[in-house]
Amino acid sequence: MVNVSYLLEHEARKLIENPTEDFTLRYEPDAVERILQLTHYHPFLVQLLCSELVALKNEQDPSVRRLATLADVEVTIPEALSTGGFFFADIQNNQVDATGLEILRFIAAKGEEAVVSEETIAL
C-alpha cells in the first residue's frame, strides 16, 4: 500500500506553477492562491484542477493562452468537479459511513466560506 498525503505548500505551488521543466503556462498570483484554497494542497485535486485549466488554456487564442487568471480557474471548477466525479463518489461510497456522509452534506450546505465548529458538528 502506498500512503499519499497532502502536499506541503511549496510542493503544491511547484506542482501548479512548474510541473515539468519546459512548462510554459504562467499564473497570476490570485489564480495560484485560488487553486491552493480550493484543493487544500491535496495532490489529486491540484492535478485535477490544473489539468482542466491547461485544457481550457489550450483552447484559447494564443494571445491569452500562456497566462492563467483567476477567472480561468473559476471557469474550470465545474468541469473539474464533473471530471473528478469518481474521486468524490469514492469518498461518498467507500470512505465515510452514513454519519460521515451526513456531516459532509451539512458542511457543504453551509457554503464555501462557512466555518463549522466541531461543537456544531457534534450536535
PDB file of N, CA and C in Angstrom:
ATOM      1  N   MET A   1       0.836  -1.166   0.000  1.00  0.00           N
ATOM      2  CA  MET A   1       0.000   0.000   0.000  1.00  0.00           C
ATOM      3  C   MET A   1       0.892   1.244   0.000  1.00  0.00           C
ATOM      4  N   VAL A   2       0.499   2.229  -0.789  1.00  0.00           N
ATOM      5  CA  VAL A   2       1.221   3.486  -0.863  1.00  0.00           C
ATOM      6  C   VAL A   2       0.396   4.546  -0.153  1.00  0.00           C
ATOM      7  N   ASN A   3       1.012   5.217   0.807  1.00  0.00           N
ATOM      8  CA  ASN A   3       0.322   6.273   1.535  1.00  0.00           C
ATOM      9  C   ASN A   3       0.548   7.600   0.822  1.00  0.00           C
ATOM     10  N   VAL A   4      -0.530   8.211   0.373  1.00  0.00           N
ATOM     11  CA  VAL A   4      -0.453   9.509  -0.278  1.00  0.00           C
ATOM     12  C   VAL A   4      -1.034  10.538   0.682  1.00  0.00           C
ATOM     13  N   SER A   5      -0.263  11.569   0.948  1.00  0.00           N
ATOM     14  CA  SER A   5      -0.690  12.584   1.895  1.00  0.00           C
ATOM     15  C   SER A   5      -0.837  13.924   1.186  1.00  0.00           C
ATOM     16  N   TYR A   6      -1.238  14.916   1.931  1.00  0.00           N
ATOM     17  CA  TYR A   6      -1.328  16.269   1.398  1.00  0.00           C
ATOM     18  C   TYR A   6       0.074  16.793   1.126  1.00  0.00           C
ATOM     19  N   LEU A   7       0.162  17.674   0.147  1.00  0.00           N
ATOM     20  CA  LEU A   7       1.431  18.304  -0.175  1.00  0.00           C
ATOM     21  C   LEU A   7       1.708  19.438   0.809  1.00  0.00           C
ATOM     22  N   LEU A   8       2.969  19.759   0.952  1.00  0.00           N
ATOM     23  CA  LEU A   8       3.327  20.988   1.645  1.00  0.00           C
ATOM     24  C   LEU A   8       3.041  22.145   0.697  1.00  0.00           C
ATOM     25  N   GLU A   9       2.901  23.353   1.228  1.00  0.00           N
ATOM     26  CA  GLU A   9       2.543  24.485   0.381  1.00  0.00           C
ATOM     27  C   GLU A   9       3.527  24.666  -0.773  1.00  0.00           C
ATOM     28  N   HIS A  10       4.818  24.602  -0.493  1.00  0.00           N
ATOM     29  CA  HIS A  10       5.792  24.809  -1.576  1.00  0.00           C
ATOM     30  C   HIS A  10       5.726  23.692  -2.618  1.00  0.00           C
ATOM     31  N   GLU A  11       5.373  22.490  -2.198  1.00  0.00           N
ATOM     32  CA  GLU A  11       5.224  21.387  -3.147  1.00  0.00           C
ATOM     33  C   GLU A  11       3.999  21.598  -4.035  1.00  0.00           C
ATOM     34  N   ALA A  12       2.913  22.056  -3.437  1.00  0.00           N
ATOM     35  CA  ALA A  12       1.698  22.323  -4.215  1.00  0.00           C
ATOM     36  C   ALA A  12       1.943  23.451  -5.211  1.00  0.00           C
ATOM     37  N   ARG A  13       2.636  24.486  -4.775  1.00  0.00           N
ATOM     38  CA  ARG A  13       2.953  25.597  -5.689  1.00  0.00           C
ATOM     39  C   ARG A  13       3.808  25.117  -6.857  1.00  0.00           C
ATOM     40  N   LYS A  14       4.775  24.268  -6.571  1.00  0.00           N
ATOM     41  CA  LYS A  14       5.632  23.734  -7.640  1.00  0.00           C
ATOM     42  C   LYS A  14       4.807  22.901  -8.614  1.00  0.00           C
ATOM     43  N   LEU A  15       3.910  22.077  -8.094  1.00  0.00           N
ATOM     44  CA  LEU A  15       3.061  21.253  -8.953  1.00  0.00           C
ATOM     45  C   LEU A  15       2.183  22.126  -9.844  1.00  0.00           C
ATOM     46  N   ILE A  16       1.705  23.242  -9.320  1.00  0.00           N
ATOM     47  CA  ILE A  16       0.873  24.151 -10.096  1.00  0.00           C
ATOM     48  C   ILE A  16       1.707  24.913 -11.117  1.00  0.00           C
ATOM     49  N   GLU A  17       2.751  25.556 -10.658  1.00  0.00           N
ATOM     50  CA  GLU A  17       3.478  26.517 -11.484  1.00  0.00           C
ATOM     51  C   GLU A  17       4.585  25.928 -12.344  1.00  0.00           C
ATOM     52  N   ASN A  18       5.106  24.787 -11.935  1.00  0.00           N
ATOM     53  CA  ASN A  18       6.225  24.223 -12.681  1.00  0.00           C
ATOM     54  C   ASN A  18       6.211  22.698 -12.632  1.00  0.00           C
ATOM     55  N   PRO A  19       5.156  22.083 -13.169  1.00  0.00           N
ATOM     56  CA  PRO A  19       5.054  20.626 -13.082  1.00  0.00           C
ATOM     57  C   PRO A  19       6.109  19.890 -13.922  1.00  0.00           C
ATOM     58  N   THR A  20       6.594  20.532 -14.974  1.00  0.00           N
ATOM     59  CA  THR A  20       7.672  19.980 -15.798  1.00  0.00           C
ATOM     60  C   THR A  20       8.660  21.097 -16.115  1.00  0.00           C
ATOM     61  N   GLU A  21       9.848  20.718 -16.507  1.00  0.00           N
ATOM     62  CA  GLU A  21      10.890  21.711 -16.795  1.00  0.00           C
ATOM     63  C   GLU A  21      10.489  22.715 -17.857  1.00  0.00           C
ATOM     64  N   ASP A  22       9.837  22.247 -18.891  1.00  0.00           N
ATOM     65  CA  ASP A  22       9.523  23.115 -20.035  1.00  0.00           C
ATOM     66  C   ASP A  22       8.092  23.655 -20.004  1.00  0.00           C
ATOM     67  N   PHE A  23       7.484  23.698 -18.844  1.00  0.00           N
ATOM     68  CA  PHE A  23       6.101  24.162 -18.707  1.00  0.00           C
ATOM     69  C   PHE A  23       6.048  25.660 -18.970  1.00  0.00           C
ATOM     70  N   THR A  24       5.227  26.073 -19.932  1.00  0.00           N
ATOM     71  CA  THR A  24       5.219  27.473 -20.358  1.00  0.00           C
ATOM     72  C   THR A  24       4.048  28.290 -19.813  1.00  0.00           C
ATOM     73  N   LEU A  25       3.070  27.642 -19.240  1.00  0.00           N
ATOM     74  CA  LEU A  25       1.930  28.375 -18.688  1.00  0.00           C
ATOM     75  C   LEU A  25       2.349  29.094 -17.415  1.00  0.00           C
ATOM     76  N   ARG A  26       1.995  30.362 -17.316  1.00  0.00           N
ATOM     77  CA  ARG A  26       2.259  31.160 -16.124  1.00  0.00           C
ATOM     78  C   ARG A  26       0.933  31.504 -15.464  1.00  0.00           C
ATOM     79  N   TYR A  27       0.990  31.764 -14.181  1.00  0.00           N
ATOM     80  CA  TYR A  27      -0.212  32.009 -13.389  1.00  0.00           C
ATOM     81  C   TYR A  27      -0.164  33.376 -12.729  1.00  0.00           C
ATOM     82  N   GLU A  28      -1.280  34.065 -12.739  1.00  0.00           N
ATOM     83  CA  GLU A  28      -1.407  35.245 -11.904  1.00  0.00           C
ATOM     84  C   GLU A  28      -1.402  34.771 -10.447  1.00  0.00           C
ATOM     85  N   PRO A  29      -0.831  35.562  -9.552  1.00  0.00           N
ATOM     86  CA  PRO A  29      -0.785  35.135  -8.138  1.00  0.00           C
ATOM     87  C   PRO A  29      -2.152  34.765  -7.564  1.00  0.00           C
ATOM     88  N   ASP A  30      -3.197  35.512  -7.922  1.00  0.00           N
ATOM     89  CA  ASP A  30      -4.543  35.194  -7.426  1.00  0.00           C
ATOM     90  C   ASP A  30      -5.028  33.827  -7.919  1.00  0.00           C
ATOM     91  N   ALA A  31      -4.619  33.446  -9.102  1.00  0.00           N
ATOM     92  CA  ALA A  31      -5.021  32.149  -9.651  1.00  0.00           C
ATOM     93  C   ALA A  31      -4.389  31.019  -8.838  1.00  0.00           C
ATOM     94  N   VAL A  32      -3.108  31.162  -8.520  1.00  0.00           N
ATOM     95  CA  VAL A  32      -2.428  30.143  -7.709  1.00  0.00           C
ATOM     96  C   VAL A  32      -3.070  30.061  -6.328  1.00  0.00           C
ATOM     97  N   GLU A  33      -3.330  31.203  -5.721  1.00  0.00           N
ATOM     98  CA  GLU A  33      -3.928  31.216  -4.388  1.00  0.00           C
ATOM     99  C   GLU A  33      -5.298  30.538  -4.389  1.00  0.00           C
ATOM    100  N   ARG A  34      -6.067  30.751  -5.426  1.00  0.00           N
ATOM    101  CA  ARG A  34      -7.399  30.136  -5.509  1.00  0.00           C
ATOM    102  C   ARG A  34      -7.283  28.619  -5.626  1.00  0.00           C
ATOM    103  N   ILE A  35      -6.346  28.154  -6.423  1.00  0.00           N
ATOM    104  CA  ILE A  35      -6.141  26.705  -6.559  1.00  0.00           C
ATOM    105  C   ILE A  35      -5.745  26.110  -5.209  1.00  0.00           C
ATOM    106  N   LEU A  36      -4.842  26.772  -4.506  1.00  0.00           N
ATOM    107  CA  LEU A  36      -4.429  26.284  -3.186  1.00  0.00           C
ATOM    108  C   LEU A  36      -5.607  26.285  -2.213  1.00  0.00           C
ATOM    109  N   GLN A  37      -6.418  27.333  -2.264  1.00  0.00           N
ATOM    110  CA  GLN A  37      -7.585  27.433  -1.380  1.00  0.00           C
ATOM    111  C   GLN A  37      -8.585  26.312  -1.676  1.00  0.00           C
ATOM    112  N   LEU A  38      -8.837  26.067  -2.943  1.00  0.00           N
ATOM    113  CA  LEU A  38      -9.825  25.055  -3.318  1.00  0.00           C
ATOM    114  C   LEU A  38      -9.368  23.632  -3.020  1.00  0.00           C
ATOM    115  N   THR A  39      -8.096  23.365  -3.203  1.00  0.00           N
ATOM    116  CA  THR A  39      -7.589  21.991  -3.095  1.00  0.00           C
ATOM    117  C   THR A  39      -7.007  21.652  -1.733  1.00  0.00           C
ATOM    118  N   HIS A  40      -6.688  22.659  -0.957  1.00  0.00           N
ATOM    119  CA  HIS A  40      -6.044  22.451   0.346  1.00  0.00           C
ATOM    120  C   HIS A  40      -4.811  21.555   0.227  1.00  0.00           C
ATOM    121  N   TYR A  41      -4.111  21.698  -0.886  1.00  0.00           N
ATOM    122  CA  TYR A  41      -2.837  21.002  -1.158  1.00  0.00           C
ATOM    123  C   TYR A  41      -3.002  19.495  -1.393  1.00  0.00           C
ATOM    124  N   HIS A  42      -4.208  19.056  -1.676  1.00  0.00           N
ATOM    125  CA  HIS A  42      -4.412  17.629  -1.977  1.00  0.00           C
ATOM    126  C   HIS A  42      -3.852  17.365  -3.371  1.00  0.00           C
ATOM    127  N   PRO A  43      -2.903  16.434  -3.509  1.00  0.00           N
ATOM    128  CA  PRO A  43      -2.227  16.256  -4.804  1.00  0.00           C
ATOM    129  C   PRO A  43      -3.163  15.926  -5.962  1.00  0.00           C
ATOM    130  N   PHE A  44      -4.125  15.045  -5.737  1.00  0.00           N
ATOM    131  CA  PHE A  44      -5.033  14.712  -6.833  1.00  0.00           C
ATOM    132  C   PHE A  44      -5.870  15.915  -7.232  1.00  0.00           C
ATOM    133  N   LEU A  45      -6.363  16.654  -6.248  1.00  0.00           N
ATOM    134  CA  LEU A  45      -7.217  17.800  -6.563  1.00  0.00           C
ATOM    135  C   LEU A  45      -6.431  18.912  -7.260  1.00  0.00           C
ATOM    136  N   VAL A  46      -5.187  19.113  -6.857  1.00  0.00           N
ATOM    137  CA  VAL A  46      -4.336  20.094  -7.554  1.00  0.00           C
ATOM    138  C   VAL A  46      -4.172  19.673  -9.012  1.00  0.00           C
ATOM    139  N   GLN A  47      -3.832  18.414  -9.227  1.00  0.00           N
ATOM    140  CA  GLN A  47      -3.635  17.925 -10.597  1.00  0.00           C
ATOM    141  C   GLN A  47      -4.923  17.988 -11.404  1.00  0.00           C
ATOM    142  N   LEU A  48      -6.030  17.639 -10.787  1.00  0.00           N
ATOM    143  CA  LEU A  48      -7.322  17.665 -11.470  1.00  0.00           C
ATOM    144  C   LEU A  48      -7.659  19.069 -11.944  1.00  0.00           C
ATOM    145  N   LEU A  49      -7.584  20.026 -11.047  1.00  0.00           N
ATOM    146  CA  LEU A  49      -7.928  21.399 -11.394  1.00  0.00           C
ATOM    147  C   LEU A  49      -6.953  21.974 -12.419  1.00  0.00           C
ATOM    148  N   CYS A  50      -5.672  21.704 -12.234  1.00  0.00           N
ATOM    149  CA  CYS A  50      -4.674  22.218 -13.185  1.00  0.00           C
ATOM    150  C   CYS A  50      -4.799  21.558 -14.551  1.00  0.00           C
ATOM    151  N   SER A  51      -5.155  20.307 -14.588  1.00  0.00           N
ATOM    152  CA  SER A  51      -5.364  19.629 -15.870  1.00  0.00           C
ATOM    153  C   SER A  51      -6.499  20.281 -16.642  1.00  0.00           C
ATOM    154  N   GLU A  52      -7.591  20.566 -15.947  1.00  0.00           N
ATOM    155  CA  GLU A  52      -8.720  21.240 -16.591  1.00  0.00           C
ATOM    156  C   GLU A  52      -8.328  22.650 -17.030  1.00  0.00           C
ATOM    157  N   LEU A  53      -7.505  23.301 -16.244  1.00  0.00           N
ATOM    158  CA  LEU A  53      -7.047  24.644 -16.583  1.00  0.00           C
ATOM    159  C   LEU A  53      -6.170  24.621 -17.828  1.00  0.00           C
ATOM    160  N   VAL A  54      -5.266  23.668 -17.917  1.00  0.00           N
ATOM    161  CA  VAL A  54      -4.413  23.534 -19.105  1.00  0.00           C
ATOM    162  C   VAL A  54      -5.272  23.239 -20.331  1.00  0.00           C
ATOM    163  N   ALA A  55      -6.257  22.377 -20.195  1.00  0.00           N
ATOM    164  CA  ALA A  55      -7.152  22.077 -21.322  1.00  0.00           C
ATOM    165  C   ALA A  55      -7.879  23.339 -21.783  1.00  0.00           C
ATOM    166  N   LEU A  56      -8.352  24.131 -20.836  1.00  0.00           N
ATOM    167  CA  LEU A  56      -9.025  25.391 -21.172  1.00  0.00           C
ATOM    168  C   LEU A  56      -8.073  26.334 -21.896  1.00  0.00           C
ATOM    169  N   LYS A  57      -6.884  26.496 -21.362  1.00  0.00           N
ATOM    170  CA  LYS A  57      -5.923  27.426 -21.964  1.00  0.00           C
ATOM    171  C   LYS A  57      -5.519  26.975 -23.361  1.00  0.00           C
ATOM    172  N   ASN A  58      -5.415  25.672 -23.575  1.00  0.00           N
ATOM    173  CA  ASN A  58      -5.050  25.161 -24.896  1.00  0.00           C
ATOM    174  C   ASN A  58      -6.096  25.464 -25.958  1.00  0.00           C
ATOM    175  N   GLU A  59      -7.329  25.697 -25.538  1.00  0.00           N
ATOM    176  CA  GLU A  59      -8.409  26.026 -26.469  1.00  0.00           C
ATOM    177  C   GLU A  59      -8.500  27.521 -26.754  1.00  0.00           C
ATOM    178  N   GLN A  60      -7.794  28.331 -25.989  1.00  0.00           N
ATOM    179  CA  GLN A  60      -7.901  29.781 -26.118  1.00  0.00           C
ATOM    180  C   GLN A  60      -6.967  30.318 -27.203  1.00  0.00           C
ATOM    181  N   ASP A  61      -7.228  31.541 -27.559  1.00  0.00           N
ATOM    182  CA  ASP A  61      -6.400  32.244 -28.530  1.00  0.00           C
ATOM    183  C   ASP A  61      -4.963  32.334 -28.001  1.00  0.00           C
ATOM    184  N   PRO A  62      -3.982  32.171 -28.902  1.00  0.00           N
ATOM    185  CA  PRO A  62      -2.585  32.232 -28.458  1.00  0.00           C
ATOM    186  C   PRO A  62      -2.215  33.512 -27.701  1.00  0.00           C
ATOM    187  N   SER A  63      -2.920  34.596 -27.936  1.00  0.00           N
ATOM    188  CA  SER A  63      -2.593  35.853 -27.257  1.00  0.00           C
ATOM    189  C   SER A  63      -2.862  35.804 -25.753  1.00  0.00           C
ATOM    190  N   VAL A  64      -3.721  34.885 -25.308  1.00  0.00           N
ATOM    191  CA  VAL A  64      -4.025  34.770 -23.875  1.00  0.00           C
ATOM    192  C   VAL A  64      -3.735  33.371 -23.329  1.00  0.00           C
ATOM    193  N   ARG A  65      -3.228  32.527 -24.155  1.00  0.00           N
ATOM    194  CA  ARG A  65      -3.047  31.114 -23.805  1.00  0.00           C
ATOM    195  C   ARG A  65      -2.002  30.873 -22.723  1.00  0.00           C
ATOM    196  N   ARG A  66      -1.023  31.720 -22.601  1.00  0.00           N
ATOM    197  CA  ARG A  66       0.113  31.437 -21.712  1.00  0.00           C
ATOM    198  C   ARG A  66      -0.007  32.013 -20.306  1.00  0.00           C
ATOM    199  N   LEU A  67      -1.139  32.669 -19.983  1.00  0.00           N
ATOM    200  CA  LEU A  67      -1.313  33.230 -18.647  1.00  0.00           C
ATOM    201  C   LEU A  67      -2.651  32.782 -18.072  1.00  0.00           C
ATOM    202  N   ALA A  68      -2.590  32.060 -16.967  1.00  0.00           N
ATOM    203  CA  ALA A  68      -3.801  31.606 -16.286  1.00  0.00           C
ATOM    204  C   ALA A  68      -4.233  32.665 -15.281  1.00  0.00           C
ATOM    205  N   THR A  69      -5.481  33.054 -15.381  1.00  0.00           N
ATOM    206  CA  THR A  69      -6.031  34.083 -14.499  1.00  0.00           C
ATOM    207  C   THR A  69      -6.975  33.469 -13.474  1.00  0.00           C
ATOM    208  N   LEU A  70      -7.358  34.280 -12.518  1.00  0.00           N
ATOM    209  CA  LEU A  70      -8.353  33.844 -11.538  1.00  0.00           C
ATOM    210  C   LEU A  70      -9.662  33.476 -12.237  1.00  0.00           C
ATOM    211  N   ALA A  71     -10.042  34.253 -13.227  1.00  0.00           N
ATOM    212  CA  ALA A  71     -11.268  33.946 -13.984  1.00  0.00           C
ATOM    213  C   ALA A  71     -11.163  32.581 -14.661  1.00  0.00           C
ATOM    214  N   ASP A  72      -9.989  32.249 -15.187  1.00  0.00           N
ATOM    215  CA  ASP A  72      -9.789  30.934 -15.809  1.00  0.00           C
ATOM    216  C   ASP A  72      -9.990  29.813 -14.785  1.00  0.00           C
ATOM    217  N   VAL A  73      -9.439  30.009 -13.601  1.00  0.00           N
ATOM    218  CA  VAL A  73      -9.595  28.994 -12.548  1.00  0.00           C
ATOM    219  C   VAL A  73     -11.074  28.805 -12.225  1.00  0.00           C
ATOM    220  N   GLU A  74     -11.793  29.899 -12.065  1.00  0.00           N
ATOM    221  CA  GLU A  74     -13.218  29.814 -11.731  1.00  0.00           C
ATOM    222  C   GLU A  74     -13.999  29.072 -12.817  1.00  0.00           C
ATOM    223  N   VAL A  75     -13.641  29.293 -14.073  1.00  0.00           N
ATOM    224  CA  VAL A  75     -14.327  28.627 -15.187  1.00  0.00           C
ATOM    225  C   VAL A  75     -14.084  27.120 -15.146  1.00  0.00           C
ATOM    226  N   THR A  76     -12.923  26.696 -14.682  1.00  0.00           N
ATOM    227  CA  THR A  76     -12.585  25.272 -14.707  1.00  0.00           C
ATOM    228  C   THR A  76     -13.191  24.472 -13.553  1.00  0.00           C
ATOM    229  N   ILE A  77     -13.664  25.141 -12.527  1.00  0.00           N
ATOM    230  CA  ILE A  77     -14.163  24.418 -11.350  1.00  0.00           C
ATOM    231  C   ILE A  77     -15.298  23.444 -11.685  1.00  0.00           C
ATOM    232  N   PRO A  78     -16.351  23.857 -12.376  1.00  0.00           N
ATOM    233  CA  PRO A  78     -17.423  22.888 -12.672  1.00  0.00           C
ATOM    234  C   PRO A  78     -16.935  21.689 -13.489  1.00  0.00           C
ATOM    235  N   GLU A  79     -16.055  21.943 -14.433  1.00  0.00           N
ATOM    236  CA  GLU A  79     -15.536  20.834 -15.246  1.00  0.00           C
ATOM    237  C   GLU A  79     -14.698  19.882 -14.400  1.00  0.00           C
ATOM    238  N   ALA A  80     -13.895  20.432 -13.506  1.00  0.00           N
ATOM    239  CA  ALA A  80     -13.089  19.584 -12.624  1.00  0.00           C
ATOM    240  C   ALA A  80     -13.979  18.751 -11.705  1.00  0.00           C
ATOM    241  N   LEU A  81     -15.037  19.355 -11.206  1.00  0.00           N
ATOM    242  CA  LEU A  81     -15.965  18.595 -10.357  1.00  0.00           C
ATOM    243  C   LEU A  81     -16.608  17.452 -11.135  1.00  0.00           C
ATOM    244  N   SER A  82     -16.920  17.710 -12.392  1.00  0.00           N
ATOM    245  CA  SER A  82     -17.511  16.670 -13.237  1.00  0.00           C
ATOM    246  C   SER A  82     -16.483  15.595 -13.591  1.00  0.00           C
ATOM    247  N   THR A  83     -15.343  16.015 -14.059  1.00  0.00           N
ATOM    248  CA  THR A  83     -14.289  15.072 -14.457  1.00  0.00           C
ATOM    249  C   THR A  83     -13.822  14.230 -13.277  1.00  0.00           C
ATOM    250  N   GLY A  84     -13.736  14.845 -12.112  1.00  0.00           N
ATOM    251  CA  GLY A  84     -13.275  14.140 -10.923  1.00  0.00           C
ATOM    252  C   GLY A  84     -14.380  13.484 -10.134  1.00  0.00           C
ATOM    253  N   GLY A  85     -15.528  13.313 -10.746  1.00  0.00           N
ATOM    254  CA  GLY A  85     -16.669  12.747 -10.051  1.00  0.00           C
ATOM    255  C   GLY A  85     -16.392  11.410  -9.386  1.00  0.00           C
ATOM    256  N   PHE A  86     -15.554  10.594 -10.020  1.00  0.00           N
ATOM    257  CA  PHE A  86     -15.229   9.288  -9.439  1.00  0.00           C
ATOM    258  C   PHE A  86     -14.500   9.442  -8.106  1.00  0.00           C
ATOM    259  N   PHE A  87     -13.680  10.480  -7.978  1.00  0.00           N
ATOM    260  CA  PHE A  87     -12.953  10.739  -6.741  1.00  0.00           C
ATOM    261  C   PHE A  87     -13.944  11.047  -5.611  1.00  0.00           C
ATOM    262  N   PHE A  88     -14.883  11.935  -5.906  1.00  0.00           N
ATOM    263  CA  PHE A  88     -15.865  12.326  -4.896  1.00  0.00           C
ATOM    264  C   PHE A  88     -16.848  11.188  -4.613  1.00  0.00           C
ATOM    265  N   ALA A  89     -17.169  10.414  -5.628  1.00  0.00           N
ATOM    266  CA  ALA A  89     -18.052   9.257  -5.429  1.00  0.00           C
ATOM    267  C   ALA A  89     -17.379   8.225  -4.534  1.00  0.00           C
ATOM    268  N   ASP A  90     -16.073   8.057  -4.684  1.00  0.00           N
ATOM    269  CA  ASP A  90     -15.354   7.106  -3.835  1.00  0.00           C
ATOM    270  C   ASP A  90     -15.400   7.540  -2.379  1.00  0.00           C
ATOM    271  N   ILE A  91     -15.267   8.826  -2.129  1.00  0.00           N
ATOM    272  CA  ILE A  91     -15.382   9.320  -0.753  1.00  0.00           C
ATOM    273  C   ILE A  91     -16.758   8.975  -0.213  1.00  0.00           C
ATOM    274  N   GLN A  92     -17.781   9.283  -0.988  1.00  0.00           N
ATOM    275  CA  GLN A  92     -19.159   9.050  -0.559  1.00  0.00           C
ATOM    276  C   GLN A  92     -19.454   7.566  -0.366  1.00  0.00           C
ATOM    277  N   ASN A  93     -18.987   6.742  -1.278  1.00  0.00           N
ATOM    278  CA  ASN A  93     -19.375   5.330  -1.269  1.00  0.00           C
ATOM    279  C   ASN A  93     -18.448   4.414  -0.473  1.00  0.00           C
ATOM    280  N   ASN A  94     -17.192   4.824  -0.292  1.00  0.00           N
ATOM    281  CA  ASN A  94     -16.234   3.891   0.300  1.00  0.00           C
ATOM    282  C   ASN A  94     -15.449   4.425   1.493  1.00  0.00           C
ATOM    283  N   GLN A  95     -15.462   5.734   1.705  1.00  0.00           N
ATOM    284  CA  GLN A  95     -14.559   6.270   2.725  1.00  0.00           C
ATOM    285  C   GLN A  95     -15.263   6.834   3.960  1.00  0.00           C
ATOM    286  N   VAL A  96     -16.567   7.009   3.894  1.00  0.00           N
ATOM    287  CA  VAL A  96     -17.291   7.505   5.066  1.00  0.00           C
ATOM    288  C   VAL A  96     -18.537   6.657   5.284  1.00  0.00           C
ATOM    289  N   ASP A  97     -18.943   6.610   6.543  1.00  0.00           N
ATOM    290  CA  ASP A  97     -20.189   5.903   6.854  1.00  0.00           C
ATOM    291  C   ASP A  97     -21.360   6.876   6.728  1.00  0.00           C
ATOM    292  N   ALA A  98     -22.540   6.433   7.083  1.00  0.00           N
ATOM    293  CA  ALA A  98     -23.736   7.265   6.933  1.00  0.00           C
ATOM    294  C   ALA A  98     -23.635   8.553   7.748  1.00  0.00           C
ATOM    295  N   THR A  99     -23.081   8.467   8.946  1.00  0.00           N
ATOM    296  CA  THR A  99     -22.925   9.665   9.775  1.00  0.00           C
ATOM    297  C   THR A  99     -21.927  10.630   9.133  1.00  0.00           C
ATOM    298  N   GLY A 100     -20.824  10.091   8.640  1.00  0.00           N
ATOM    299  CA  GLY A 100     -19.833  10.925   7.970  1.00  0.00           C
ATOM    300  C   GLY A 100     -20.400  11.610   6.747  1.00  0.00           C
ATOM    301  N   LEU A 101     -21.212  10.894   6.002  1.00  0.00           N
ATOM    302  CA  LEU A 101     -21.853  11.469   4.815  1.00  0.00           C
ATOM    303  C   LEU A 101     -22.815  12.584   5.213  1.00  0.00           C
ATOM    304  N   GLU A 102     -23.533  12.380   6.283  1.00  0.00           N
ATOM    305  CA  GLU A 102     -24.449  13.409   6.777  1.00  0.00           C
ATOM    306  C   GLU A 102     -23.665  14.662   7.187  1.00  0.00           C
ATOM    307  N   ILE A 103     -22.544  14.478   7.836  1.00  0.00           N
ATOM    308  CA  ILE A 103     -21.700  15.614   8.245  1.00  0.00           C
ATOM    309  C   ILE A 103     -21.162  16.344   7.024  1.00  0.00           C
ATOM    310  N   LEU A 104     -20.671  15.603   6.028  1.00  0.00           N
ATOM    311  CA  LEU A 104     -20.156  16.239   4.812  1.00  0.00           C
ATOM    312  C   LEU A 104     -21.242  17.039   4.100  1.00  0.00           C
ATOM    313  N   ARG A 105     -22.433  16.486   4.022  1.00  0.00           N
ATOM    314  CA  ARG A 105     -23.548  17.205   3.383  1.00  0.00           C
ATOM    315  C   ARG A 105     -23.913  18.467   4.167  1.00  0.00           C
ATOM    316  N   PHE A 106     -23.891  18.372   5.488  1.00  0.00           N
ATOM    317  CA  PHE A 106     -24.185  19.523   6.342  1.00  0.00           C
ATOM    318  C   PHE A 106     -23.166  20.639   6.085  1.00  0.00           C
ATOM    319  N   ILE A 107     -21.894  20.281   6.070  1.00  0.00           N
ATOM    320  CA  ILE A 107     -20.839  21.269   5.833  1.00  0.00           C
ATOM    321  C   ILE A 107     -20.976  21.870   4.440  1.00  0.00           C
ATOM    322  N   ALA A 108     -21.212  21.024   3.450  1.00  0.00           N
ATOM    323  CA  ALA A 108     -21.349  21.510   2.068  1.00  0.00           C
ATOM    324  C   ALA A 108     -22.519  22.481   1.927  1.00  0.00           C
ATOM    325  N   ALA A 109     -23.595  22.211   2.629  1.00  0.00           N
ATOM    326  CA  ALA A 109     -24.774  23.077   2.540  1.00  0.00           C
ATOM    327  C   ALA A 109     -24.506  24.462   3.108  1.00  0.00           C
ATOM    328  N   LYS A 110     -23.520  24.582   3.964  1.00  0.00           N
ATOM    329  CA  LYS A 110     -23.186  25.879   4.566  1.00  0.00           C
ATOM    330  C   LYS A 110     -22.467  26.801   3.576  1.00  0.00           C
ATOM    331  N   GLY A 111     -21.888  26.239   2.534  1.00  0.00           N
ATOM    332  CA  GLY A 111     -21.228  27.067   1.530  1.00  0.00           C
ATOM    333  C   GLY A 111     -19.726  27.114   1.711  1.00  0.00           C
ATOM    334  N   GLU A 112     -19.086  27.576   0.677  1.00  0.00           N
ATOM    335  CA  GLU A 112     -17.628  27.551   0.610  1.00  0.00           C
ATOM    336  C   GLU A 112     -16.943  28.366   1.705  1.00  0.00           C
ATOM    337  N   GLU A 113     -17.477  29.494   2.053  1.00  0.00           N
ATOM    338  CA  GLU A 113     -16.827  30.381   3.019  1.00  0.00           C
ATOM    339  C   GLU A 113     -17.208  30.085   4.472  1.00  0.00           C
ATOM    340  N   ALA A 114     -18.120  29.165   4.694  1.00  0.00           N
ATOM    341  CA  ALA A 114     -18.598  28.893   6.044  1.00  0.00           C
ATOM    342  C   ALA A 114     -17.533  28.210   6.887  1.00  0.00           C
ATOM    343  N   VAL A 115     -17.592  28.501   8.179  1.00  0.00           N
ATOM    344  CA  VAL A 115     -16.761  27.822   9.157  1.00  0.00           C
ATOM    345  C   VAL A 115     -17.703  27.083  10.084  1.00  0.00           C
ATOM    346  N   VAL A 116     -17.508  25.783  10.196  1.00  0.00           N
ATOM    347  CA  VAL A 116     -18.385  24.963  11.015  1.00  0.00           C
ATOM    348  C   VAL A 116     -17.540  24.384  12.154  1.00  0.00           C
ATOM    349  N   SER A 117     -17.923  24.679  13.373  1.00  0.00           N
ATOM    350  CA  SER A 117     -17.156  24.239  14.539  1.00  0.00           C
ATOM    351  C   SER A 117     -17.416  22.756  14.810  1.00  0.00           C
ATOM    352  N   GLU A 118     -16.484  22.163  15.535  1.00  0.00           N
ATOM    353  CA  GLU A 118     -16.656  20.767  15.937  1.00  0.00           C
ATOM    354  C   GLU A 118     -17.872  20.616  16.837  1.00  0.00           C
ATOM    355  N   GLU A 119     -18.145  21.636  17.643  1.00  0.00           N
ATOM    356  CA  GLU A 119     -19.310  21.590  18.527  1.00  0.00           C
ATOM    357  C   GLU A 119     -20.607  21.522  17.725  1.00  0.00           C
ATOM    358  N   THR A 120     -20.676  22.309  16.653  1.00  0.00           N
ATOM    359  CA  THR A 120     -21.865  22.306  15.793  1.00  0.00           C
ATOM    360  C   THR A 120     -22.019  20.953  15.126  1.00  0.00           C
ATOM    361  N   ILE A 121     -20.929  20.388  14.671  1.00  0.00           N
ATOM    362  CA  ILE A 121     -20.983  19.073  14.023  1.00  0.00           C
ATOM    363  C   ILE A 121     -21.419  18.013  15.018  1.00  0.00           C
ATOM    364  N   ALA A 122     -20.949  18.105  16.250  1.00  0.00           N
ATOM    365  CA  ALA A 122     -21.292  17.128  17.280  1.00  0.00           C
ATOM    366  C   ALA A 122     -22.799  17.112  17.568  1.00  0.00           C
ATOM    367  N   LEU A 123     -23.438  18.282  17.393  1.00  0.00           N
ATOM    368  CA  LEU A 123     -24.886  18.341  17.620  1.00  0.00           C
ATOM    369  C   LEU A 123     -25.614  17.594  16.535  1.00  0.00           C
TER     370      LEU A 123
END
